[in-house]
Amino acid sequence: MPLAGNKAGLYKFRVGDYRLLCSRDDEELHVLVVKVKHRREVYRG
């Protein structure tokens, strides 16, 4: 799911109690994992 605000351009995925914030490059079919943290902490700072 795409995010908005200061995290625009990133996508979020839930994996158990964790969230992965990712960016993607459609031209090369790459996915870059930007951050992996517990769900209650991932959106802070």
PDB file of N, CA and C in Angstrom:
ATOM      1  N   MET A   1       0.848  -1.168   0.000  1.00  0.00           N
ATOM      2  CA  MET A   1       0.000   0.000   0.000  1.00  0.00           C
ATOM      3  C   MET A   1       0.904   1.244   0.000  1.00  0.00           C
ATOM      4  N   PRO A   2       0.692   2.191  -0.897  1.00  0.00           N
ATOM      5  CA  PRO A   2       1.515   3.402  -0.937  1.00  0.00           C
ATOM      6  C   PRO A   2       1.238   4.318   0.251  1.00  0.00           C
ATOM      7  N   LEU A   3       2.280   5.014   0.682  1.00  0.00           N
ATOM      8  CA  LEU A   3       2.175   5.945   1.803  1.00  0.00           C
ATOM      9  C   LEU A   3       2.118   7.379   1.298  1.00  0.00           C
ATOM     10  N   ALA A   4       1.757   8.298   2.185  1.00  0.00           N
ATOM     11  CA  ALA A   4       1.650   9.720   1.831  1.00  0.00           C
ATOM     12  C   ALA A   4       2.520  10.541   2.778  1.00  0.00           C
ATOM     13  N   GLY A   5       2.476  11.849   2.619  1.00  0.00           N
ATOM     14  CA  GLY A   5       3.209  12.752   3.505  1.00  0.00           C
ATOM     15  C   GLY A   5       4.707  12.640   3.313  1.00  0.00           C
ATOM     16  N   ASN A   6       5.458  12.658   4.438  1.00  0.00           N
ATOM     17  CA  ASN A   6       6.911  12.607   4.324  1.00  0.00           C
ATOM     18  C   ASN A   6       7.427  11.231   3.924  1.00  0.00           C
ATOM     19  N   LYS A   7       6.548  10.250   3.810  1.00  0.00           N
ATOM     20  CA  LYS A   7       6.937   8.911   3.370  1.00  0.00           C
ATOM     21  C   LYS A   7       6.368   8.591   1.980  1.00  0.00           C
ATOM     22  N   ALA A   8       5.969   9.634   1.252  1.00  0.00           N
ATOM     23  CA  ALA A   8       5.446   9.443  -0.107  1.00  0.00           C
ATOM     24  C   ALA A   8       6.495   8.737  -0.955  1.00  0.00           C
ATOM     25  N   GLY A   9       6.039   7.838  -1.798  1.00  0.00           N
ATOM     26  CA  GLY A   9       6.951   7.075  -2.643  1.00  0.00           C
ATOM     27  C   GLY A   9       7.357   5.746  -2.036  1.00  0.00           C
ATOM     28  N   LEU A  10       6.998   5.521  -0.764  1.00  0.00           N
ATOM     29  CA  LEU A  10       7.288   4.253  -0.112  1.00  0.00           C
ATOM     30  C   LEU A  10       6.016   3.420  -0.029  1.00  0.00           C
ATOM     31  N   TYR A  11       6.194   2.128   0.113  1.00  0.00           N
ATOM     32  CA  TYR A  11       5.089   1.188   0.255  1.00  0.00           C
ATOM     33  C   TYR A  11       5.278   0.439   1.562  1.00  0.00           C
ATOM     34  N   LYS A  12       4.169   0.032   2.194  1.00  0.00           N
ATOM     35  CA  LYS A  12       4.261  -0.700   3.450  1.00  0.00           C
ATOM     36  C   LYS A  12       3.708  -2.109   3.279  1.00  0.00           C
ATOM     37  N   PHE A  13       4.330  -3.036   3.997  1.00  0.00           N
ATOM     38  CA  PHE A  13       3.896  -4.423   4.023  1.00  0.00           C
ATOM     39  C   PHE A  13       3.945  -4.894   5.466  1.00  0.00           C
ATOM     40  N   ARG A  14       2.928  -5.601   5.906  1.00  0.00           N
ATOM     41  CA  ARG A  14       2.906  -6.147   7.257  1.00  0.00           C
ATOM     42  C   ARG A  14       3.389  -7.582   7.207  1.00  0.00           C
ATOM     43  N   VAL A  15       4.318  -7.907   8.092  1.00  0.00           N
ATOM     44  CA  VAL A  15       4.831  -9.266   8.234  1.00  0.00           C
ATOM     45  C   VAL A  15       4.796  -9.587   9.725  1.00  0.00           C
ATOM     46  N   GLY A  16       3.760 -10.263  10.152  1.00  0.00           N
ATOM     47  CA  GLY A  16       3.592 -10.538  11.578  1.00  0.00           C
ATOM     48  C   GLY A  16       3.423  -9.237  12.342  1.00  0.00           C
ATOM     49  N   ASP A  17       4.264  -9.026  13.357  1.00  0.00           N
ATOM     50  CA  ASP A  17       4.220  -7.800  14.152  1.00  0.00           C
ATOM     51  C   ASP A  17       5.107  -6.707  13.576  1.00  0.00           C
ATOM     52  N   TYR A  18       5.659  -6.913  12.405  1.00  0.00           N
ATOM     53  CA  TYR A  18       6.604  -5.963  11.821  1.00  0.00           C
ATOM     54  C   TYR A  18       6.047  -5.335  10.555  1.00  0.00           C
ATOM     55  N   ARG A  19       6.555  -4.149  10.228  1.00  0.00           N
ATOM     56  CA  ARG A  19       6.232  -3.460   8.980  1.00  0.00           C
ATOM     57  C   ARG A  19       7.514  -3.324   8.181  1.00  0.00           C
ATOM     58  N   LEU A  20       7.422  -3.535   6.889  1.00  0.00           N
ATOM     59  CA  LEU A  20       8.514  -3.269   5.972  1.00  0.00           C
ATOM     60  C   LEU A  20       8.140  -2.043   5.177  1.00  0.00           C
ATOM     61  N   LEU A  21       9.008  -1.051   5.137  1.00  0.00           N
ATOM     62  CA  LEU A  21       8.826   0.114   4.283  1.00  0.00           C
ATOM     63  C   LEU A  21       9.767  -0.069   3.113  1.00  0.00           C
ATOM     64  N   CYS A  22       9.213  -0.022   1.904  1.00  0.00           N
ATOM     65  CA  CYS A  22       9.980  -0.334   0.707  1.00  0.00           C
ATOM     66  C   CYS A  22       9.786   0.734  -0.355  1.00  0.00           C
ATOM     67  N   SER A  23      10.799   0.873  -1.190  1.00  0.00           N
ATOM     68  CA  SER A  23      10.647   1.665  -2.407  1.00  0.00           C
ATOM     69  C   SER A  23      10.820   0.698  -3.565  1.00  0.00           C
ATOM     70  N   ARG A  24      10.416   1.111  -4.755  1.00  0.00           N
ATOM     71  CA  ARG A  24      10.542   0.204  -5.893  1.00  0.00           C
ATOM     72  C   ARG A  24      10.991   0.962  -7.127  1.00  0.00           C
ATOM     73  N   ASP A  25      11.608   0.225  -8.028  1.00  0.00           N
ATOM     74  CA  ASP A  25      12.083   0.757  -9.299  1.00  0.00           C
ATOM     75  C   ASP A  25      11.457  -0.105 -10.388  1.00  0.00           C
ATOM     76  N   ASP A  26      10.412   0.397 -11.013  1.00  0.00           N
ATOM     77  CA  ASP A  26       9.678  -0.391 -12.005  1.00  0.00           C
ATOM     78  C   ASP A  26      10.510  -0.735 -13.230  1.00  0.00           C
ATOM     79  N   GLU A  27      11.426   0.142 -13.614  1.00  0.00           N
ATOM     80  CA  GLU A  27      12.217  -0.104 -14.816  1.00  0.00           C
ATOM     81  C   GLU A  27      13.114  -1.325 -14.667  1.00  0.00           C
ATOM     82  N   GLU A  28      13.668  -1.537 -13.493  1.00  0.00           N
ATOM     83  CA  GLU A  28      14.591  -2.644 -13.262  1.00  0.00           C
ATOM     84  C   GLU A  28      13.983  -3.774 -12.436  1.00  0.00           C
ATOM     85  N   LEU A  29      12.744  -3.607 -12.003  1.00  0.00           N
ATOM     86  CA  LEU A  29      12.055  -4.588 -11.162  1.00  0.00           C
ATOM     87  C   LEU A  29      12.812  -4.855  -9.861  1.00  0.00           C
ATOM     88  N   HIS A  30      13.268  -3.786  -9.208  1.00  0.00           N
ATOM     89  CA  HIS A  30      13.940  -3.875  -7.913  1.00  0.00           C
ATOM     90  C   HIS A  30      13.002  -3.415  -6.809  1.00  0.00           C
ATOM     91  N   VAL A  31      13.140  -4.036  -5.668  1.00  0.00           N
ATOM     92  CA  VAL A  31      12.460  -3.575  -4.456  1.00  0.00           C
ATOM     93  C   VAL A  31      13.544  -3.361  -3.408  1.00  0.00           C
ATOM     94  N   LEU A  32      13.612  -2.159  -2.855  1.00  0.00           N
ATOM     95  CA  LEU A  32      14.595  -1.823  -1.827  1.00  0.00           C
ATOM     96  C   LEU A  32      13.877  -1.724  -0.494  1.00  0.00           C
ATOM     97  N   VAL A  33      14.265  -2.553   0.463  1.00  0.00           N
ATOM     98  CA  VAL A  33      13.685  -2.479   1.804  1.00  0.00           C
ATOM     99  C   VAL A  33      14.392  -1.355   2.543  1.00  0.00           C
ATOM    100  N   VAL A  34      13.627  -0.340   2.924  1.00  0.00           N
ATOM    101  CA  VAL A  34      14.170   0.862   3.547  1.00  0.00           C
ATOM    102  C   VAL A  34      14.244   0.710   5.064  1.00  0.00           C
ATOM    103  N   LYS A  35      13.245   0.071   5.656  1.00  0.00           N
ATOM    104  CA  LYS A  35      13.192  -0.021   7.116  1.00  0.00           C
ATOM    105  C   LYS A  35      12.369  -1.241   7.507  1.00  0.00           C
ATOM    106  N   VAL A  36      12.807  -1.946   8.555  1.00  0.00           N
ATOM    107  CA  VAL A  36      12.038  -3.039   9.151  1.00  0.00           C
ATOM    108  C   VAL A  36      12.029  -2.779  10.650  1.00  0.00           C
ATOM    109  N   LYS A  37      10.847  -2.529  11.197  1.00  0.00           N
ATOM    110  CA  LYS A  37      10.700  -2.275  12.634  1.00  0.00           C
ATOM    111  C   LYS A  37       9.357  -2.803  13.109  1.00  0.00           C
ATOM    112  N   HIS A  38       9.230  -2.885  14.432  1.00  0.00           N
ATOM    113  CA  HIS A  38       7.958  -3.279  15.024  1.00  0.00           C
ATOM    114  C   HIS A  38       6.886  -2.278  14.603  1.00  0.00           C
ATOM    115  N   ARG A  39       5.666  -2.732  14.460  1.00  0.00           N
ATOM    116  CA  ARG A  39       4.575  -1.893  13.948  1.00  0.00           C
ATOM    117  C   ARG A  39       4.375  -0.614  14.745  1.00  0.00           C
ATOM    118  N   ARG A  40       4.562  -0.635  16.056  1.00  0.00           N
ATOM    119  CA  ARG A  40       4.326   0.574  16.851  1.00  0.00           C
ATOM    120  C   ARG A  40       5.463   1.582  16.725  1.00  0.00           C
ATOM    121  N   GLU A  41       6.602   1.197  16.144  1.00  0.00           N
ATOM    122  CA  GLU A  41       7.763   2.079  16.055  1.00  0.00           C
ATOM    123  C   GLU A  41       8.096   2.554  14.646  1.00  0.00           C
ATOM    124  N   VAL A  42       7.610   1.887  13.627  1.00  0.00           N
ATOM    125  CA  VAL A  42       8.096   2.115  12.268  1.00  0.00           C
ATOM    126  C   VAL A  42       7.826   3.518  11.730  1.00  0.00           C
ATOM    127  N   TYR A  43       6.762   4.162  12.138  1.00  0.00           N
ATOM    128  CA  TYR A  43       6.415   5.468  11.572  1.00  0.00           C
ATOM    129  C   TYR A  43       6.976   6.639  12.374  1.00  0.00           C
ATOM    130  N   ARG A  44       7.647   6.357  13.469  1.00  0.00           N
ATOM    131  CA  ARG A  44       8.235   7.431  14.293  1.00  0.00           C
ATOM    132  C   ARG A  44       9.534   7.913  13.665  1.00  0.00           C
ATOM    133  N   GLY A  45       9.708   9.233  13.642  1.00  0.00           N
ATOM    134  CA  GLY A  45      10.945   9.872  13.193  1.00  0.00           C
ATOM    135  C   GLY A  45      11.427   9.334  11.939  1.00  0.00           C
TER     136      GLY A  45
END
